[in-house]
Amino acid sequence: PPRGGQAGQPGFAQLPLPRAHRPSASCIESTPVPRAGPASMATLHAVDLHSEAAKISQGMVPDEQSLAGGLHLDGVSAFATPNVENEEDFQRQAMEYVKPNHGTTTLGFVYQGGVVIAVDSRASQGPVISSQTVKKVIEINPFLLGTMAGGAADCQFWQRNLGIQCRLFELNNKKRITVTAASKLLANTLYGYKGRGLSMGTMVAGWDGNGPGLFYVDSEGTRIKGQRFSVGSGSTYAYGVLDRGYKWDLTQEEACELGRRAIYHATYRDAASGGTVSVYHITKDGWTKVFGDDVGELHYRYYPKQTLN
């Protein structure tokens, strides 16, 4: 049956078909689907569409000239998929060739007064520092925070998507989502894209009816509950400071200072971490941002310049 447009308009466009359901070339040419749009445009593409769609169905690469202007199949630009037996193995091998290098330092820990989250702000592209002002804490809702480590685009997109899921949960259930449930939603989403090239090592932290909560979630679908985590290229340096100074009965001032100092020392030793140190504190009343200090200023605060006698 006609799809949109007005009756009597000539021209046809073949709908793109999944690889597993592609018919033969003769079948494609014998079952055209009317194309919506101006008659001149439909007539212009009619012949090329059938020939190029037939090539795609047989696993052949279409002509470059046909694809240069965008081979439009019912309003959707078509492109040839790799002519390989196993697309997943092909993609996995290709990712190894172009595997990007990531650099960051993030940490989080739970103590008697709540949860502390601390991050740096440097983004790197291999050996190049691309930004010093990346916001690596995603504010999911007033009681939930997420951190970024890995691919910046992956982390930002999927954690904002998590914020949408958490809001829909609140609207459907008339109550705020728990930290456990939020981290599970993210882990389930990422597991569905396992092996697809995502690069994420995140923490989901917050406060709910059960008290403070902290979870580590990565792009493989791994989900771990814990009291303290550090993620990123500078995490080993941050762990050295964090493990030495951590204890359950810290005061709020001591806990926030511990997070700030741990991130500072990581930026001092790790070239891929730097910029500013941001520290967030989460309590039963929600999260607040406590610090946002430049690492250069922190260096002279922790190690004042000594004069020679």
Protein backbone atom coordinates (compact mmCIF):
# COMPACT_ATOMS: atom_id res chain seq x y z
CA PRO A 1 0.00 0.00 0.00
CA PRO A 2 1.12 3.63 -0.50
CA ARG A 3 3.21 5.09 2.35
CA GLY A 4 2.46 8.81 2.78
CA GLY A 5 2.43 11.40 0.00
CA GLN A 6 -0.39 11.83 -2.45
CA ALA A 7 -2.02 9.22 -4.65
CA GLY A 8 -0.80 9.08 -8.22
CA GLN A 9 2.77 10.16 -7.56
CA PRO A 10 5.19 7.96 -9.56
CA GLY A 11 8.43 6.50 -8.28
CA PHE A 12 9.28 3.72 -5.83
CA ALA A 13 11.76 3.23 -2.98
CA GLN A 14 12.81 -0.10 -1.52
CA LEU A 15 12.75 -0.34 2.29
CA PRO A 16 16.09 -1.36 3.92
CA LEU A 17 15.97 -4.98 5.13
CA PRO A 18 18.00 -6.65 7.89
CA ARG A 19 20.77 -8.97 6.72
CA ALA A 20 18.92 -12.08 7.92
CA HIS A 21 15.78 -11.21 5.93
CA ARG A 22 17.16 -9.96 2.62
CA PRO A 23 15.38 -11.55 -0.37
CA SER A 24 16.94 -12.16 -3.75
CA ALA A 25 17.51 -9.37 -6.24
CA SER A 26 14.62 -10.55 -8.40
CA CYS A 27 12.28 -10.42 -5.41
CA ILE A 28 13.35 -6.87 -4.60
CA GLU A 29 12.69 -5.64 -8.11
CA SER A 30 9.28 -7.32 -8.29
CA THR A 31 7.88 -5.87 -5.03
CA PRO A 32 8.38 -2.09 -5.08
CA VAL A 33 7.04 0.12 -2.30
CA PRO A 34 5.58 3.49 -3.36
CA ARG A 35 7.77 6.38 -2.27
CA ALA A 36 6.40 9.55 -0.72
CA GLY A 37 7.63 12.92 -1.89
CA PRO A 38 7.89 14.94 -5.12
CA ALA A 39 7.51 13.01 -8.35
CA SER A 40 10.76 14.32 -9.84
CA MET A 41 12.90 13.14 -6.89
CA ALA A 42 11.24 9.73 -6.74
CA THR A 43 11.69 9.19 -10.49
CA LEU A 44 15.34 10.30 -10.28
CA HIS A 45 16.23 7.63 -7.69
CA ALA A 46 13.95 4.81 -8.84
CA VAL A 47 16.39 2.98 -11.15
CA ASP A 48 19.46 3.45 -8.91
CA LEU A 49 17.57 2.34 -5.83
CA HIS A 50 16.63 -1.03 -7.27
CA SER A 51 20.11 -1.79 -8.56
CA GLU A 52 21.89 -0.68 -5.38
CA ALA A 53 19.39 -2.45 -3.09
CA ALA A 54 19.97 -5.61 -5.11
CA LYS A 55 23.72 -5.26 -4.59
CA ILE A 56 23.29 -4.83 -0.83
CA SER A 57 21.06 -7.92 -0.65
CA GLN A 58 23.84 -9.99 -2.24
CA GLY A 59 26.49 -8.67 0.15
CA MET A 60 28.06 -6.46 -2.55
CA VAL A 61 29.27 -2.89 -2.02
CA PRO A 62 27.08 -0.28 -3.76
CA ASP A 63 28.56 2.21 -6.22
CA GLU A 64 30.35 5.11 -4.50
CA GLN A 65 28.52 7.65 -6.64
CA SER A 66 25.16 6.33 -5.47
CA LEU A 67 26.22 6.52 -1.83
CA ALA A 68 28.00 9.88 -2.18
CA GLY A 69 24.73 11.75 -2.19
CA GLY A 70 23.16 9.39 0.32
CA LEU A 71 21.19 6.41 -0.99
CA HIS A 72 17.78 7.24 0.46
CA LEU A 73 15.60 4.24 1.18
CA ASP A 74 12.17 5.47 2.23
CA GLY A 75 13.69 8.54 3.85
CA VAL A 76 16.56 6.65 5.54
CA SER A 77 20.16 6.80 4.29
CA ALA A 78 21.39 3.27 3.57
CA PHE A 79 24.96 1.99 3.82
CA ALA A 80 26.63 -1.35 3.30
CA THR A 81 27.53 -3.45 6.32
CA PRO A 82 30.93 -5.24 6.47
CA ASN A 83 30.95 -8.30 4.22
CA VAL A 84 32.20 -10.64 6.97
CA GLU A 85 30.83 -13.84 8.48
CA ASN A 86 30.89 -12.66 12.11
CA GLU A 87 30.24 -8.95 12.60
CA GLU A 88 30.87 -9.09 16.37
CA ASP A 89 34.37 -10.54 15.95
CA PHE A 90 35.11 -8.04 13.19
CA GLN A 91 34.05 -5.12 15.41
CA ARG A 92 36.03 -6.43 18.37
CA GLN A 93 39.20 -6.68 16.27
CA ALA A 94 38.63 -3.23 14.79
CA MET A 95 38.23 -1.72 18.28
CA GLU A 96 41.62 -3.13 19.28
CA TYR A 97 43.24 -1.23 16.41
CA VAL A 98 41.65 2.09 17.36
CA LYS A 99 41.38 1.58 21.12
CA PRO A 100 41.58 5.04 22.70
CA ASN A 101 43.63 5.90 25.77
CA HIS A 102 41.69 7.39 28.65
CA GLY A 103 42.93 9.37 31.62
CA THR A 104 41.07 10.48 34.73
CA THR A 105 40.85 10.03 38.48
CA THR A 106 37.59 9.63 40.38
CA LEU A 107 36.88 8.29 43.85
CA GLY A 108 34.06 7.75 46.28
CA PHE A 109 33.72 6.40 49.79
CA VAL A 110 31.07 5.89 52.44
CA TYR A 111 31.60 6.95 56.05
CA GLN A 112 29.42 7.53 59.10
CA GLY A 113 28.24 10.95 57.87
CA GLY A 114 27.33 10.05 54.28
CA VAL A 115 29.16 9.67 50.96
CA VAL A 116 32.05 11.70 49.55
CA ILE A 117 32.65 11.89 45.79
CA ALA A 118 35.81 13.55 44.43
CA VAL A 119 36.96 13.91 40.81
CA ASP A 120 39.44 15.78 38.65
CA SER A 121 38.49 17.65 35.46
CA ARG A 122 41.06 16.77 32.79
CA ALA A 123 40.09 15.05 29.53
CA SER A 124 42.76 13.50 27.35
CA GLN A 125 42.94 12.09 23.82
CA GLY A 126 45.93 9.77 23.97
CA PRO A 127 48.96 12.01 24.64
CA VAL A 128 46.96 15.21 24.07
CA ILE A 129 45.15 17.12 26.84
CA SER A 130 41.85 18.05 25.20
CA SER A 131 40.19 19.87 28.12
CA GLN A 132 40.85 20.99 31.68
CA THR A 133 37.25 21.80 32.57
CA VAL A 134 35.23 18.59 32.13
CA LYS A 135 32.47 18.10 34.67
CA LYS A 136 32.97 14.46 35.68
CA VAL A 137 30.12 14.32 38.17
CA ILE A 138 26.68 13.73 36.62
CA GLU A 139 23.87 14.99 38.84
CA ILE A 140 21.24 12.31 38.28
CA ASN A 141 18.74 13.73 40.77
CA PRO A 142 18.98 15.69 44.07
CA PHE A 143 19.96 12.50 45.93
CA LEU A 144 21.98 10.61 43.31
CA LEU A 145 25.35 11.30 41.68
CA GLY A 146 27.28 9.48 38.98
CA THR A 147 30.96 9.76 38.06
CA MET A 148 32.70 9.60 34.69
CA ALA A 149 35.74 7.52 33.76
CA GLY A 150 36.42 6.14 30.29
CA GLY A 151 34.77 7.63 27.24
CA ALA A 152 33.29 11.03 28.03
CA ALA A 153 30.46 10.72 25.50
CA ASP A 154 29.52 7.22 26.67
CA CYS A 155 29.42 8.24 30.34
CA GLN A 156 27.49 11.45 29.78
CA PHE A 157 24.90 9.89 27.50
CA TRP A 158 24.12 6.77 29.51
CA GLN A 159 24.12 8.47 32.89
CA ARG A 160 21.74 11.12 31.63
CA ASN A 161 19.68 8.27 30.27
CA LEU A 162 19.77 6.80 33.78
CA GLY A 163 18.39 10.10 35.07
CA ILE A 164 15.44 9.72 32.71
CA GLN A 165 14.82 6.16 33.90
CA CYS A 166 14.98 7.26 37.55
CA ARG A 167 12.47 10.05 36.93
CA LEU A 168 10.09 7.65 35.17
CA PHE A 169 10.41 5.29 38.14
CA GLU A 170 9.39 8.11 40.49
CA LEU A 171 6.38 9.02 38.36
CA ASN A 172 5.23 5.40 38.09
CA ASN A 173 5.80 4.39 41.71
CA LYS A 174 5.23 7.69 43.56
CA LYS A 175 8.51 7.32 45.46
CA ARG A 176 12.19 8.06 44.99
CA ILE A 177 14.33 5.32 43.48
CA THR A 178 16.93 3.66 45.71
CA VAL A 179 20.67 3.73 45.00
CA THR A 180 20.60 -0.04 44.57
CA ALA A 181 17.82 0.09 41.97
CA ALA A 182 19.43 2.99 40.08
CA SER A 183 22.76 1.18 39.82
CA LYS A 184 20.94 -1.96 38.66
CA LEU A 185 19.16 -0.02 35.91
CA LEU A 186 22.49 1.30 34.65
CA ALA A 187 24.16 -2.12 34.83
CA ASN A 188 21.29 -3.74 32.92
CA THR A 189 21.45 -1.06 30.22
CA LEU A 190 25.21 -1.40 29.78
CA TYR A 191 25.08 -5.20 29.76
CA GLY A 192 22.77 -4.96 26.78
CA TYR A 193 25.59 -3.18 24.91
CA LYS A 194 28.38 -5.48 26.08
CA GLY A 195 30.98 -5.97 23.37
CA ARG A 196 29.67 -2.99 21.39
CA GLY A 197 32.65 -0.73 22.10
CA LEU A 198 31.42 1.28 25.12
CA SER A 199 34.10 2.45 27.54
CA MET A 200 32.75 3.27 31.00
CA GLY A 201 33.93 2.88 34.57
CA THR A 202 31.43 4.75 36.72
CA MET A 203 30.24 5.03 40.28
CA VAL A 204 26.64 5.58 41.34
CA ALA A 205 26.36 7.13 44.80
CA GLY A 206 23.48 8.49 46.82
CA TRP A 207 21.25 8.33 49.85
CA ASP A 208 17.91 6.55 50.20
CA GLY A 209 15.71 5.03 52.89
CA ASN A 210 18.43 2.48 53.64
CA GLY A 211 21.10 5.10 54.19
CA PRO A 212 24.17 5.89 52.07
CA GLY A 213 25.02 3.71 49.08
CA LEU A 214 27.94 3.40 46.66
CA PHE A 215 28.17 1.13 43.58
CA TYR A 216 30.75 0.62 40.87
CA VAL A 217 29.30 -0.06 37.38
CA ASP A 218 31.27 -0.52 34.16
CA SER A 219 30.59 -1.03 30.46
CA GLU A 220 30.80 -4.83 30.77
CA GLY A 221 27.74 -4.82 33.03
CA THR A 222 29.78 -5.38 36.19
CA ARG A 223 28.11 -4.01 39.33
CA ILE A 224 29.81 -4.03 42.75
CA LYS A 225 28.70 -2.56 46.04
CA GLY A 226 31.45 -1.23 48.30
CA GLN A 227 32.61 1.31 50.86
CA ARG A 228 35.33 2.95 48.76
CA PHE A 229 36.30 2.94 45.10
CA SER A 230 38.70 4.81 42.86
CA VAL A 231 38.47 4.59 39.07
CA GLY A 232 40.74 5.89 36.32
CA SER A 233 44.37 6.07 35.28
CA GLY A 234 45.31 7.85 38.51
CA SER A 235 43.31 5.55 40.78
CA THR A 236 46.38 3.70 42.12
CA TYR A 237 47.82 6.96 43.47
CA ALA A 238 44.45 7.98 44.91
CA TYR A 239 44.08 4.60 46.62
CA GLY A 240 47.41 5.10 48.36
CA VAL A 241 46.16 8.25 50.08
CA LEU A 242 42.60 7.02 50.53
CA ASP A 243 43.50 3.70 52.16
CA ARG A 244 45.91 5.37 54.55
CA GLY A 245 43.52 8.08 55.74
CA TYR A 246 40.15 6.31 55.60
CA LYS A 247 38.21 5.33 58.70
CA TRP A 248 34.50 4.99 59.34
CA ASP A 249 34.15 7.67 62.02
CA LEU A 250 35.60 10.59 60.04
CA THR A 251 34.02 14.00 60.50
CA GLN A 252 32.54 15.74 57.46
CA GLU A 253 35.51 18.12 57.24
CA GLU A 254 38.01 15.28 57.50
CA ALA A 255 36.17 13.18 54.91
CA CYS A 256 35.96 15.98 52.34
CA GLU A 257 39.61 16.91 52.90
CA LEU A 258 40.64 13.27 52.45
CA GLY A 259 38.86 13.11 49.10
CA ARG A 260 40.42 16.37 47.94
CA ARG A 261 43.93 15.37 48.98
CA ALA A 262 43.64 11.93 47.34
CA ILE A 263 42.63 13.45 43.99
CA TYR A 264 45.35 16.10 44.25
CA HIS A 265 48.09 13.50 44.76
CA ALA A 266 46.75 11.51 41.80
CA THR A 267 46.91 14.59 39.55
CA TYR A 268 50.46 15.25 40.77
CA ARG A 269 51.70 11.80 39.69
CA ASP A 270 49.37 10.98 36.77
CA ALA A 271 49.87 13.10 33.64
CA ALA A 272 46.37 12.27 32.35
CA SER A 273 44.68 13.71 35.47
CA GLY A 274 44.54 17.36 36.43
CA GLY A 275 42.57 20.57 36.16
CA THR A 276 40.45 21.15 39.24
CA VAL A 277 39.44 18.96 42.16
CA SER A 278 35.68 18.83 42.75
CA VAL A 279 34.36 17.31 45.98
CA TYR A 280 30.69 16.46 46.62
CA HIS A 281 29.11 15.41 49.90
CA ILE A 282 25.88 13.37 50.07
CA THR A 283 23.67 13.20 53.18
CA LYS A 284 20.03 12.40 53.91
CA ASP A 285 19.20 15.91 52.68
CA GLY A 286 20.81 15.37 49.28
CA TRP A 287 24.13 16.25 47.70
CA THR A 288 26.11 19.48 47.94
CA LYS A 289 29.31 20.58 46.22
CA VAL A 290 31.92 21.35 48.86
CA PHE A 291 35.12 22.14 46.96
CA GLY A 292 36.23 23.13 43.48
CA ASP A 293 39.96 23.93 43.68
CA ASP A 294 42.65 24.26 41.03
CA VAL A 295 45.36 21.63 41.50
CA GLY A 296 48.09 24.26 41.03
CA GLU A 297 46.82 26.22 44.00
CA LEU A 298 46.41 23.06 46.06
CA HIS A 299 50.06 22.16 45.44
CA TYR A 300 51.32 25.29 47.17
CA ARG A 301 48.73 24.88 49.91
CA TYR A 302 49.90 21.38 50.75
CA TYR A 303 53.59 22.07 50.08
CA PRO A 304 54.35 25.73 50.82
CA LYS A 305 57.34 27.13 49.00
CA GLN A 306 60.37 26.97 51.24
CA THR A 307 62.91 29.78 51.24
CA LEU A 308 66.60 29.05 51.20
CA ASN A 309 68.49 30.25 54.28
